[in-house]
């Protein structure tokens, strides 16, 4: 049975709702919303929506993009229909081209490039919600000198994987095809991060970990756009990118690693938290948890005029 089979998707959804029920914010004032995020395969970045939102009193129930009232974390905006009139919170585009969403209620987007391409107002919050992880969990104790975080497309890239064999360094190869909870804790336990995954960089920045990103073959879909979009907020007019060379050694990459400016990260995090606090303001009254879960699953509720 594959990951996208309806029975497996339903089981994951029920498990996530059960986990959400353990969050104090959910129990105090939880609301339920039909939300869209990528579920094509396990990936910790795509898992952020259902991991983070219950910590802010919002229980997301996965819906297809055309039926959702909220777009969550990830490069998913091109999957929304052009007439989407739900809320957008921290989402981004995959490709560097216009994709107008004139009816969307934009709370936050990943970066300035996405904001411009979808035609969102200048005042919307900017930043990737993955930056919130350090406010929701304590950073783990250090276990490794370096965390290597390959994008799924680079998990078999021999030259990148060979960096893990660097003598004299405790190196952890981090598998992104797992839950957000497990993966962010592994990244948080590293003293430095070398990543080809955007959320490897975002998580490092959340914890204040020096990081560098690179891009071995094959090139990612959309190229470097999502990184540049994110950097337009966190390190504007600067980049921690280093072109990958298969002859490169890990110390060369680490020499370019740097933490994101703390004040910039905190500004983005404050804005993202304020933005999710406006969810009911832009969507209208949402069904309450736990009774509202069945309504949203059945498609009878989900916010505002939808």
C-alpha atoms as a PDB file:
ATOM      1  CA  UNK A   1       0.000   0.000   0.000  1.00  0.00           C
ATOM      2  CA  UNK A   2       1.583   3.282  -1.073  1.00  0.00           C
ATOM      3  CA  UNK A   3       1.883   6.472   0.969  1.00  0.00           C
ATOM      4  CA  UNK A   4      -0.921   8.244  -0.906  1.00  0.00           C
ATOM      5  CA  UNK A   5      -3.467   5.404  -0.618  1.00  0.00           C
ATOM      6  CA  UNK A   6      -6.756   6.783   0.788  1.00  0.00           C
ATOM      7  CA  UNK A   7      -6.695   4.428   3.776  1.00  0.00           C
ATOM      8  CA  UNK A   8      -3.189   5.485   4.721  1.00  0.00           C
ATOM      9  CA  UNK A   9      -4.042   9.140   4.271  1.00  0.00           C
ATOM     10  CA  UNK A  10      -7.075   8.736   6.503  1.00  0.00           C
ATOM     11  CA  UNK A  11      -5.036   6.915   9.143  1.00  0.00           C
ATOM     12  CA  UNK A  12      -2.429   9.691   9.124  1.00  0.00           C
ATOM     13  CA  UNK A  13      -5.161  12.282   9.456  1.00  0.00           C
ATOM     14  CA  UNK A  14      -6.758  10.546  12.429  1.00  0.00           C
ATOM     15  CA  UNK A  15      -3.389  10.117  14.090  1.00  0.00           C
ATOM     16  CA  UNK A  16      -2.604  13.806  13.630  1.00  0.00           C
ATOM     17  CA  UNK A  17      -5.948  14.841  15.094  1.00  0.00           C
ATOM     18  CA  UNK A  18      -5.258  12.638  18.118  1.00  0.00           C
ATOM     19  CA  UNK A  19      -1.844  14.271  18.548  1.00  0.00           C
ATOM     20  CA  UNK A  20      -3.363  17.733  18.153  1.00  0.00           C
ATOM     21  CA  UNK A  21      -5.722  16.923  21.020  1.00  0.00           C
ATOM     22  CA  UNK A  22      -2.724  16.767  23.375  1.00  0.00           C
ATOM     23  CA  UNK A  23      -1.710  20.382  22.712  1.00  0.00           C
ATOM     24  CA  UNK A  24      -2.752  22.839  25.445  1.00  0.00           C
ATOM     25  CA  UNK A  25      -3.615  25.540  22.886  1.00  0.00           C
ATOM     26  CA  UNK A  26      -5.943  23.139  21.086  1.00  0.00           C
ATOM     27  CA  UNK A  27      -7.689  22.109  24.286  1.00  0.00           C
ATOM     28  CA  UNK A  28      -8.138  25.717  25.427  1.00  0.00           C
ATOM     29  CA  UNK A  29      -9.446  27.365  22.276  1.00  0.00           C
ATOM     30  CA  UNK A  30      -8.882  25.076  19.316  1.00  0.00           C
ATOM     31  CA  UNK A  31     -10.523  25.652  15.948  1.00  0.00           C
ATOM     32  CA  UNK A  32     -10.597  23.332  12.952  1.00  0.00           C
ATOM     33  CA  UNK A  33      -9.838  24.312   9.379  1.00  0.00           C
ATOM     34  CA  UNK A  34      -9.626  22.486   6.073  1.00  0.00           C
ATOM     35  CA  UNK A  35      -6.028  23.026   4.996  1.00  0.00           C
ATOM     36  CA  UNK A  36      -3.832  22.145   2.068  1.00  0.00           C
ATOM     37  CA  UNK A  37      -0.230  20.972   2.187  1.00  0.00           C
ATOM     38  CA  UNK A  38       1.770  18.535   0.090  1.00  0.00           C
ATOM     39  CA  UNK A  39       1.160  14.885   1.005  1.00  0.00           C
ATOM     40  CA  UNK A  40       2.719  13.138  -2.000  1.00  0.00           C
ATOM     41  CA  UNK A  41       5.438  11.511   0.096  1.00  0.00           C
ATOM     42  CA  UNK A  42       6.859  11.766   3.628  1.00  0.00           C
ATOM     43  CA  UNK A  43       8.852  14.979   4.060  1.00  0.00           C
ATOM     44  CA  UNK A  44       9.532  16.941   7.228  1.00  0.00           C
ATOM     45  CA  UNK A  45       9.097  20.342   5.573  1.00  0.00           C
ATOM     46  CA  UNK A  46       5.700  19.391   4.226  1.00  0.00           C
ATOM     47  CA  UNK A  47       4.808  18.005   7.663  1.00  0.00           C
ATOM     48  CA  UNK A  48       5.276  21.434   9.262  1.00  0.00           C
ATOM     49  CA  UNK A  49       1.670  22.565   8.724  1.00  0.00           C
ATOM     50  CA  UNK A  50       0.126  19.772  10.762  1.00  0.00           C
ATOM     51  CA  UNK A  51       2.924  19.862  13.344  1.00  0.00           C
ATOM     52  CA  UNK A  52       2.988  23.608  14.015  1.00  0.00           C
ATOM     53  CA  UNK A  53      -0.621  24.764  13.787  1.00  0.00           C
ATOM     54  CA  UNK A  54      -2.048  22.777  16.725  1.00  0.00           C
ATOM     55  CA  UNK A  55       0.535  24.527  18.908  1.00  0.00           C
ATOM     56  CA  UNK A  56      -1.296  27.744  18.007  1.00  0.00           C
ATOM     57  CA  UNK A  57      -4.763  26.354  18.623  1.00  0.00           C
ATOM     58  CA  UNK A  58      -5.516  25.479  14.987  1.00  0.00           C
ATOM     59  CA  UNK A  59      -6.234  21.888  13.950  1.00  0.00           C
ATOM     60  CA  UNK A  60      -5.675  21.468  10.198  1.00  0.00           C
ATOM     61  CA  UNK A  61      -7.564  18.717   8.419  1.00  0.00           C
ATOM     62  CA  UNK A  62      -6.052  17.955   5.029  1.00  0.00           C
ATOM     63  CA  UNK A  63      -8.168  18.910   2.037  1.00  0.00           C
ATOM     64  CA  UNK A  64      -7.530  19.079  -1.682  1.00  0.00           C
ATOM     65  CA  UNK A  65      -6.407  22.528  -2.767  1.00  0.00           C
ATOM     66  CA  UNK A  66      -9.715  23.421  -4.412  1.00  0.00           C
ATOM     67  CA  UNK A  67     -11.607  22.545  -1.219  1.00  0.00           C
ATOM     68  CA  UNK A  68      -9.230  24.040   1.351  1.00  0.00           C
ATOM     69  CA  UNK A  69      -9.722  27.207   3.383  1.00  0.00           C
ATOM     70  CA  UNK A  70      -6.044  27.516   4.297  1.00  0.00           C
ATOM     71  CA  UNK A  71      -2.778  26.996   2.402  1.00  0.00           C
ATOM     72  CA  UNK A  72       0.055  26.016   4.711  1.00  0.00           C
ATOM     73  CA  UNK A  73       3.809  25.499   4.644  1.00  0.00           C
ATOM     74  CA  UNK A  74       5.674  24.677   1.447  1.00  0.00           C
ATOM     75  CA  UNK A  75       6.027  25.594  -2.221  1.00  0.00           C
ATOM     76  CA  UNK A  76       2.374  24.854  -2.925  1.00  0.00           C
ATOM     77  CA  UNK A  77       0.815  28.035  -4.271  1.00  0.00           C
ATOM     78  CA  UNK A  78       0.838  26.876  -7.896  1.00  0.00           C
ATOM     79  CA  UNK A  79      -1.382  23.998  -6.802  1.00  0.00           C
ATOM     80  CA  UNK A  80      -4.118  26.417  -5.724  1.00  0.00           C
ATOM     81  CA  UNK A  81      -6.826  27.317  -8.248  1.00  0.00           C
ATOM     82  CA  UNK A  82      -6.568  30.917  -9.517  1.00  0.00           C
ATOM     83  CA  UNK A  83      -9.887  31.745  -7.809  1.00  0.00           C
ATOM     84  CA  UNK A  84      -8.733  30.459  -4.413  1.00  0.00           C
ATOM     85  CA  UNK A  85     -10.389  32.620  -1.745  1.00  0.00           C
ATOM     86  CA  UNK A  86      -9.042  31.025   1.412  1.00  0.00           C
ATOM     87  CA  UNK A  87      -6.174  32.138   3.628  1.00  0.00           C
ATOM     88  CA  UNK A  88      -2.462  31.769   2.854  1.00  0.00           C
ATOM     89  CA  UNK A  89      -0.026  31.410   5.742  1.00  0.00           C
ATOM     90  CA  UNK A  90       3.674  31.276   4.912  1.00  0.00           C
ATOM     91  CA  UNK A  91       3.297  29.388   1.641  1.00  0.00           C
ATOM     92  CA  UNK A  92       5.547  30.009  -1.337  1.00  0.00           C
ATOM     93  CA  UNK A  93       5.761  29.490  -5.067  1.00  0.00           C
ATOM     94  CA  UNK A  94       7.957  26.846  -6.636  1.00  0.00           C
ATOM     95  CA  UNK A  95       8.803  28.782  -9.821  1.00  0.00           C
ATOM     96  CA  UNK A  96       9.988  32.292 -10.590  1.00  0.00           C
ATOM     97  CA  UNK A  97       6.973  33.492 -12.530  1.00  0.00           C
ATOM     98  CA  UNK A  98       3.723  35.337 -11.815  1.00  0.00           C
ATOM     99  CA  UNK A  99       0.811  33.378 -10.386  1.00  0.00           C
ATOM    100  CA  UNK A 100      -1.855  35.914  -9.404  1.00  0.00           C
ATOM    101  CA  UNK A 101      -4.214  34.929  -6.582  1.00  0.00           C
ATOM    102  CA  UNK A 102      -6.405  38.041  -6.413  1.00  0.00           C
ATOM    103  CA  UNK A 103      -9.107  36.577  -4.160  1.00  0.00           C
ATOM    104  CA  UNK A 104      -6.812  35.002  -1.579  1.00  0.00           C
ATOM    105  CA  UNK A 105      -6.712  36.301   1.981  1.00  0.00           C
ATOM    106  CA  UNK A 106      -2.962  36.541   2.376  1.00  0.00           C
ATOM    107  CA  UNK A 107      -1.806  36.423   5.984  1.00  0.00           C
ATOM    108  CA  UNK A 108       1.831  35.642   5.232  1.00  0.00           C
ATOM    109  CA  UNK A 109       4.025  34.337   2.418  1.00  0.00           C
ATOM    110  CA  UNK A 110       7.508  32.874   2.422  1.00  0.00           C
ATOM    111  CA  UNK A 111       9.288  35.808   0.808  1.00  0.00           C
ATOM    112  CA  UNK A 112       9.214  39.004  -1.190  1.00  0.00           C
ATOM    113  CA  UNK A 113       9.433  37.211  -4.537  1.00  0.00           C
ATOM    114  CA  UNK A 114       6.325  35.149  -3.818  1.00  0.00           C
ATOM    115  CA  UNK A 115       4.532  38.250  -2.560  1.00  0.00           C
ATOM    116  CA  UNK A 116       5.234  40.072  -5.811  1.00  0.00           C
ATOM    117  CA  UNK A 117       4.339  37.130  -8.049  1.00  0.00           C
ATOM    118  CA  UNK A 118       0.932  36.499  -6.459  1.00  0.00           C
ATOM    119  CA  UNK A 119       0.082  40.193  -6.173  1.00  0.00           C
ATOM    120  CA  UNK A 120      -0.173  40.272  -2.364  1.00  0.00           C
ATOM    121  CA  UNK A 121      -0.178  43.592  -0.500  1.00  0.00           C
ATOM    122  CA  UNK A 122       3.097  45.010   0.780  1.00  0.00           C
ATOM    123  CA  UNK A 123       1.888  44.761   4.380  1.00  0.00           C
ATOM    124  CA  UNK A 124       1.605  40.949   4.533  1.00  0.00           C
ATOM    125  CA  UNK A 125       3.904  39.095   6.908  1.00  0.00           C
ATOM    126  CA  UNK A 126       6.990  37.507   5.367  1.00  0.00           C
ATOM    127  CA  UNK A 127       8.860  34.370   6.376  1.00  0.00           C
ATOM    128  CA  UNK A 128       8.732  30.594   6.323  1.00  0.00           C
ATOM    129  CA  UNK A 129       6.693  29.171   9.233  1.00  0.00           C
ATOM    130  CA  UNK A 130       9.440  26.603   9.796  1.00  0.00           C
ATOM    131  CA  UNK A 131      11.194  29.421  11.680  1.00  0.00           C
ATOM    132  CA  UNK A 132       8.681  28.922  14.480  1.00  0.00           C
ATOM    133  CA  UNK A 133      10.086  25.574  15.569  1.00  0.00           C
ATOM    134  CA  UNK A 134      12.509  27.085  18.083  1.00  0.00           C
ATOM    135  CA  UNK A 135       9.597  28.797  19.856  1.00  0.00           C
ATOM    136  CA  UNK A 136       7.696  25.533  20.141  1.00  0.00           C
ATOM    137  CA  UNK A 137      10.443  23.159  21.284  1.00  0.00           C
ATOM    138  CA  UNK A 138      13.658  23.621  23.212  1.00  0.00           C
ATOM    139  CA  UNK A 139      16.828  23.103  21.215  1.00  0.00           C
ATOM    140  CA  UNK A 140      18.252  19.626  21.919  1.00  0.00           C
ATOM    141  CA  UNK A 141      21.692  19.074  23.373  1.00  0.00           C
ATOM    142  CA  UNK A 142      24.495  18.997  20.820  1.00  0.00           C
ATOM    143  CA  UNK A 143      25.327  15.536  19.475  1.00  0.00           C
ATOM    144  CA  UNK A 144      27.020  16.170  16.134  1.00  0.00           C
ATOM    145  CA  UNK A 145      29.507  18.658  14.712  1.00  0.00           C
ATOM    146  CA  UNK A 146      27.767  18.798  11.332  1.00  0.00           C
ATOM    147  CA  UNK A 147      24.348  17.900  10.015  1.00  0.00           C
ATOM    148  CA  UNK A 148      24.113  17.117   6.287  1.00  0.00           C
ATOM    149  CA  UNK A 149      20.562  17.631   5.057  1.00  0.00           C
ATOM    150  CA  UNK A 150      20.137  16.447   1.468  1.00  0.00           C
ATOM    151  CA  UNK A 151      16.939  17.219  -0.401  1.00  0.00           C
ATOM    152  CA  UNK A 152      15.066  14.078  -1.424  1.00  0.00           C
ATOM    153  CA  UNK A 153      16.459  14.481  -4.952  1.00  0.00           C
ATOM    154  CA  UNK A 154      20.009  14.377  -3.571  1.00  0.00           C
ATOM    155  CA  UNK A 155      19.772  11.402  -1.216  1.00  0.00           C
ATOM    156  CA  UNK A 156      21.765   9.263  -3.649  1.00  0.00           C
ATOM    157  CA  UNK A 157      24.173  11.989  -4.802  1.00  0.00           C
ATOM    158  CA  UNK A 158      27.485  10.239  -4.186  1.00  0.00           C
ATOM    159  CA  UNK A 159      29.711  13.307  -3.856  1.00  0.00           C
ATOM    160  CA  UNK A 160      27.399  14.940  -1.310  1.00  0.00           C
ATOM    161  CA  UNK A 161      27.002  11.736   0.689  1.00  0.00           C
ATOM    162  CA  UNK A 162      30.785  11.293   0.732  1.00  0.00           C
ATOM    163  CA  UNK A 163      31.047  14.421   2.895  1.00  0.00           C
ATOM    164  CA  UNK A 164      29.766  12.324   5.794  1.00  0.00           C
ATOM    165  CA  UNK A 165      33.050  10.404   5.830  1.00  0.00           C
ATOM    166  CA  UNK A 166      35.118  13.441   6.817  1.00  0.00           C
ATOM    167  CA  UNK A 167      37.608  12.339   9.489  1.00  0.00           C
ATOM    168  CA  UNK A 168      37.708  14.175  12.789  1.00  0.00           C
ATOM    169  CA  UNK A 169      34.098  15.384  12.614  1.00  0.00           C
ATOM    170  CA  UNK A 170      30.943  13.859  14.016  1.00  0.00           C
ATOM    171  CA  UNK A 171      28.695  14.069  10.971  1.00  0.00           C
ATOM    172  CA  UNK A 172      25.004  13.198  10.895  1.00  0.00           C
ATOM    173  CA  UNK A 173      23.264  12.466   7.585  1.00  0.00           C
ATOM    174  CA  UNK A 174      19.704  13.645   8.189  1.00  0.00           C
ATOM    175  CA  UNK A 175      16.821  11.939   6.416  1.00  0.00           C
ATOM    176  CA  UNK A 176      14.187  14.492   5.362  1.00  0.00           C
ATOM    177  CA  UNK A 177      11.658  11.750   4.628  1.00  0.00           C
ATOM    178  CA  UNK A 178      10.434  11.697   8.202  1.00  0.00           C
ATOM    179  CA  UNK A 179       8.195  13.678  10.509  1.00  0.00           C
ATOM    180  CA  UNK A 180       8.880  17.301  11.407  1.00  0.00           C
ATOM    181  CA  UNK A 181       9.164  16.420  15.091  1.00  0.00           C
ATOM    182  CA  UNK A 182      12.006  13.955  14.632  1.00  0.00           C
ATOM    183  CA  UNK A 183      13.876  15.791  11.890  1.00  0.00           C
ATOM    184  CA  UNK A 184      13.958  19.260  13.458  1.00  0.00           C
ATOM    185  CA  UNK A 185      15.310  17.747  16.662  1.00  0.00           C
ATOM    186  CA  UNK A 186      18.152  16.084  14.769  1.00  0.00           C
ATOM    187  CA  UNK A 187      19.003  19.325  12.993  1.00  0.00           C
ATOM    188  CA  UNK A 188      18.822  21.173  16.299  1.00  0.00           C
ATOM    189  CA  UNK A 189      21.390  18.782  17.768  1.00  0.00           C
ATOM    190  CA  UNK A 190      24.027  19.808  15.188  1.00  0.00           C
ATOM    191  CA  UNK A 191      26.642  22.536  15.643  1.00  0.00           C
ATOM    192  CA  UNK A 192      26.554  23.441  11.917  1.00  0.00           C
ATOM    193  CA  UNK A 193      24.386  22.515   8.945  1.00  0.00           C
ATOM    194  CA  UNK A 194      25.139  21.905   5.264  1.00  0.00           C
ATOM    195  CA  UNK A 195      21.921  21.534   3.329  1.00  0.00           C
ATOM    196  CA  UNK A 196      20.419  21.168  -0.130  1.00  0.00           C
ATOM    197  CA  UNK A 197      16.929  21.224   1.437  1.00  0.00           C
ATOM    198  CA  UNK A 198      15.274  24.591   2.064  1.00  0.00           C
ATOM    199  CA  UNK A 199      13.792  23.496   5.371  1.00  0.00           C
ATOM    200  CA  UNK A 200      17.186  22.280   6.462  1.00  0.00           C
ATOM    201  CA  UNK A 201      18.272  25.915   6.168  1.00  0.00           C
ATOM    202  CA  UNK A 202      15.090  27.251   7.769  1.00  0.00           C
ATOM    203  CA  UNK A 203      15.389  24.919  10.756  1.00  0.00           C
ATOM    204  CA  UNK A 204      19.039  25.823  11.254  1.00  0.00           C
ATOM    205  CA  UNK A 205      18.084  29.502  11.209  1.00  0.00           C
ATOM    206  CA  UNK A 206      15.306  28.922  13.733  1.00  0.00           C
ATOM    207  CA  UNK A 207      17.850  27.521  16.215  1.00  0.00           C
ATOM    208  CA  UNK A 208      20.611  30.004  15.359  1.00  0.00           C
ATOM    209  CA  UNK A 209      22.846  27.323  13.846  1.00  0.00           C
ATOM    210  CA  UNK A 210      25.520  28.341  11.300  1.00  0.00           C
ATOM    211  CA  UNK A 211      24.427  27.016   7.916  1.00  0.00           C
ATOM    212  CA  UNK A 212      25.342  26.956   4.246  1.00  0.00           C
ATOM    213  CA  UNK A 213      23.298  25.718   1.319  1.00  0.00           C
ATOM    214  CA  UNK A 214      24.437  24.223  -1.926  1.00  0.00           C
ATOM    215  CA  UNK A 215      22.917  22.504  -4.940  1.00  0.00           C
ATOM    216  CA  UNK A 216      24.514  19.408  -6.457  1.00  0.00           C
ATOM    217  CA  UNK A 217      23.047  17.630  -9.450  1.00  0.00           C
ATOM    218  CA  UNK A 218      20.252  17.099 -10.261  1.00  0.00           C
ATOM    219  CA  UNK A 219      18.881  20.653 -10.078  1.00  0.00           C
ATOM    220  CA  UNK A 220      15.719  21.020  -8.033  1.00  0.00           C
ATOM    221  CA  UNK A 221      12.390  21.773  -9.626  1.00  0.00           C
ATOM    222  CA  UNK A 222      12.172  25.542  -9.732  1.00  0.00           C
ATOM    223  CA  UNK A 223      15.931  25.868  -9.323  1.00  0.00           C
ATOM    224  CA  UNK A 224      17.081  28.171  -6.543  1.00  0.00           C
ATOM    225  CA  UNK A 225      13.887  30.241  -6.499  1.00  0.00           C
ATOM    226  CA  UNK A 226      12.518  29.067  -3.155  1.00  0.00           C
ATOM    227  CA  UNK A 227      15.892  29.656  -1.468  1.00  0.00           C
ATOM    228  CA  UNK A 228      16.171  33.147  -2.943  1.00  0.00           C
ATOM    229  CA  UNK A 229      12.592  33.877  -1.930  1.00  0.00           C
ATOM    230  CA  UNK A 230      13.337  32.864   1.662  1.00  0.00           C
ATOM    231  CA  UNK A 231      16.633  34.765   1.700  1.00  0.00           C
ATOM    232  CA  UNK A 232      14.873  37.939   0.543  1.00  0.00           C
ATOM    233  CA  UNK A 233      13.463  38.087   4.077  1.00  0.00           C
ATOM    234  CA  UNK A 234      16.131  36.551   6.291  1.00  0.00           C
ATOM    235  CA  UNK A 235      19.376  37.607   4.590  1.00  0.00           C
ATOM    236  CA  UNK A 236      18.368  40.301   2.068  1.00  0.00           C
ATOM    237  CA  UNK A 237      21.132  41.273  -0.363  1.00  0.00           C
ATOM    238  CA  UNK A 238      23.204  38.364   0.896  1.00  0.00           C
ATOM    239  CA  UNK A 239      23.312  34.592   0.501  1.00  0.00           C
ATOM    240  CA  UNK A 240      24.869  31.603   2.203  1.00  0.00           C
ATOM    241  CA  UNK A 241      24.927  29.693  -1.080  1.00  0.00           C
ATOM    242  CA  UNK A 242      28.110  27.984  -2.215  1.00  0.00           C
ATOM    243  CA  UNK A 243      28.215  26.316  -5.629  1.00  0.00           C
ATOM    244  CA  UNK A 244      28.785  22.585  -5.269  1.00  0.00           C
ATOM    245  CA  UNK A 245      31.880  20.937  -6.669  1.00  0.00           C
ATOM    246  CA  UNK A 246      32.280  17.178  -6.317  1.00  0.00           C
ATOM    247  CA  UNK A 247      35.944  17.755  -5.404  1.00  0.00           C
ATOM    248  CA  UNK A 248      34.867  19.957  -2.517  1.00  0.00           C
ATOM    249  CA  UNK A 249      35.623  18.896   1.049  1.00  0.00           C
ATOM    250  CA  UNK A 250      33.403  19.476   4.036  1.00  0.00           C
ATOM    251  CA  UNK A 251      35.692  22.059   5.714  1.00  0.00           C
ATOM    252  CA  UNK A 252      35.408  24.214   2.580  1.00  0.00           C
ATOM    253  CA  UNK A 253      31.631  24.231   2.892  1.00  0.00           C
ATOM    254  CA  UNK A 254      31.751  24.861   6.622  1.00  0.00           C
ATOM    255  CA  UNK A 255      33.972  27.905   6.076  1.00  0.00           C
ATOM    256  CA  UNK A 256      30.960  29.562   4.400  1.00  0.00           C
ATOM    257  CA  UNK A 257      28.428  28.580   7.073  1.00  0.00           C
ATOM    258  CA  UNK A 258      26.937  31.424   9.097  1.00  0.00           C
ATOM    259  CA  UNK A 259      23.908  31.907  11.325  1.00  0.00           C
ATOM    260  CA  UNK A 260      21.065  34.085  10.138  1.00  0.00           C
ATOM    261  CA  UNK A 261      20.835  37.517  11.789  1.00  0.00           C
ATOM    262  CA  UNK A 262      18.920  36.891  15.005  1.00  0.00           C
ATOM    263  CA  UNK A 263      16.967  40.130  14.910  1.00  0.00           C
ATOM    264  CA  UNK A 264      15.753  39.383  11.384  1.00  0.00           C
ATOM    265  CA  UNK A 265      14.626  35.892  12.356  1.00  0.00           C
ATOM    266  CA  UNK A 266      12.787  37.166  15.429  1.00  0.00           C
ATOM    267  CA  UNK A 267      11.025  39.849  13.393  1.00  0.00           C
ATOM    268  CA  UNK A 268       9.798  37.216  10.922  1.00  0.00           C
ATOM    269  CA  UNK A 269       8.694  34.884  13.710  1.00  0.00           C
ATOM    270  CA  UNK A 270       6.755  37.638  15.478  1.00  0.00           C
ATOM    271  CA  UNK A 271       5.002  38.486  12.213  1.00  0.00           C
ATOM    272  CA  UNK A 272       4.148  34.849  11.468  1.00  0.00           C
ATOM    273  CA  UNK A 273       2.677  34.334  14.929  1.00  0.00           C
ATOM    274  CA  UNK A 274       0.622  37.509  14.631  1.00  0.00           C
ATOM    275  CA  UNK A 275      -0.567  36.390  11.196  1.00  0.00           C
ATOM    276  CA  UNK A 276      -1.909  33.013  12.350  1.00  0.00           C
ATOM    277  CA  UNK A 277      -3.635  34.864  15.155  1.00  0.00           C
ATOM    278  CA  UNK A 278      -5.701  36.632  12.474  1.00  0.00           C
ATOM    279  CA  UNK A 279      -7.025  33.412  10.926  1.00  0.00           C
ATOM    280  CA  UNK A 280     -10.571  33.726  12.235  1.00  0.00           C
ATOM    281  CA  UNK A 281     -10.543  37.433  11.427  1.00  0.00           C
ATOM    282  CA  UNK A 282     -10.086  36.721   7.711  1.00  0.00           C
ATOM    283  CA  UNK A 283     -12.006  33.434   7.459  1.00  0.00           C
ATOM    284  CA  UNK A 284     -14.845  34.149   9.835  1.00  0.00           C
ATOM    285  CA  UNK A 285     -16.043  31.839  12.585  1.00  0.00           C
ATOM    286  CA  UNK A 286     -14.418  28.417  12.408  1.00  0.00           C
ATOM    287  CA  UNK A 287     -15.800  25.203  13.894  1.00  0.00           C
ATOM    288  CA  UNK A 288     -14.477  24.389  17.333  1.00  0.00           C
ATOM    289  CA  UNK A 289     -12.358  21.404  18.220  1.00  0.00           C
ATOM    290  CA  UNK A 290     -13.200  18.538  18.591  1.00  0.00           C
ATOM    291  CA  UNK A 291     -16.757  18.709  17.242  1.00  0.00           C
ATOM    292  CA  UNK A 292     -15.667  20.617  14.152  1.00  0.00           C
ATOM    293  CA  UNK A 293     -13.390  17.839  12.904  1.00  0.00           C
ATOM    294  CA  UNK A 294     -16.238  15.797  11.439  1.00  0.00           C
ATOM    295  CA  UNK A 295     -17.711  18.895   9.793  1.00  0.00           C
ATOM    296  CA  UNK A 296     -14.461  19.763   8.029  1.00  0.00           C
ATOM    297  CA  UNK A 297     -13.794  16.163   6.985  1.00  0.00           C
ATOM    298  CA  UNK A 298     -17.286  16.021   5.518  1.00  0.00           C
ATOM    299  CA  UNK A 299     -16.713  19.326   3.731  1.00  0.00           C
ATOM    300  CA  UNK A 300     -19.507  21.142   5.528  1.00  0.00           C
ATOM    301  CA  UNK A 301     -17.355  23.760   7.226  1.00  0.00           C
ATOM    302  CA  UNK A 302     -13.945  25.325   7.030  1.00  0.00           C
ATOM    303  CA  UNK A 303     -14.225  29.056   7.340  1.00  0.00           C
ATOM    304  CA  UNK A 304     -15.775  32.210   6.054  1.00  0.00           C
ATOM    305  CA  UNK A 305     -17.830  32.131   2.864  1.00  0.00           C
ATOM    306  CA  UNK A 306     -16.329  28.935   1.557  1.00  0.00           C
END
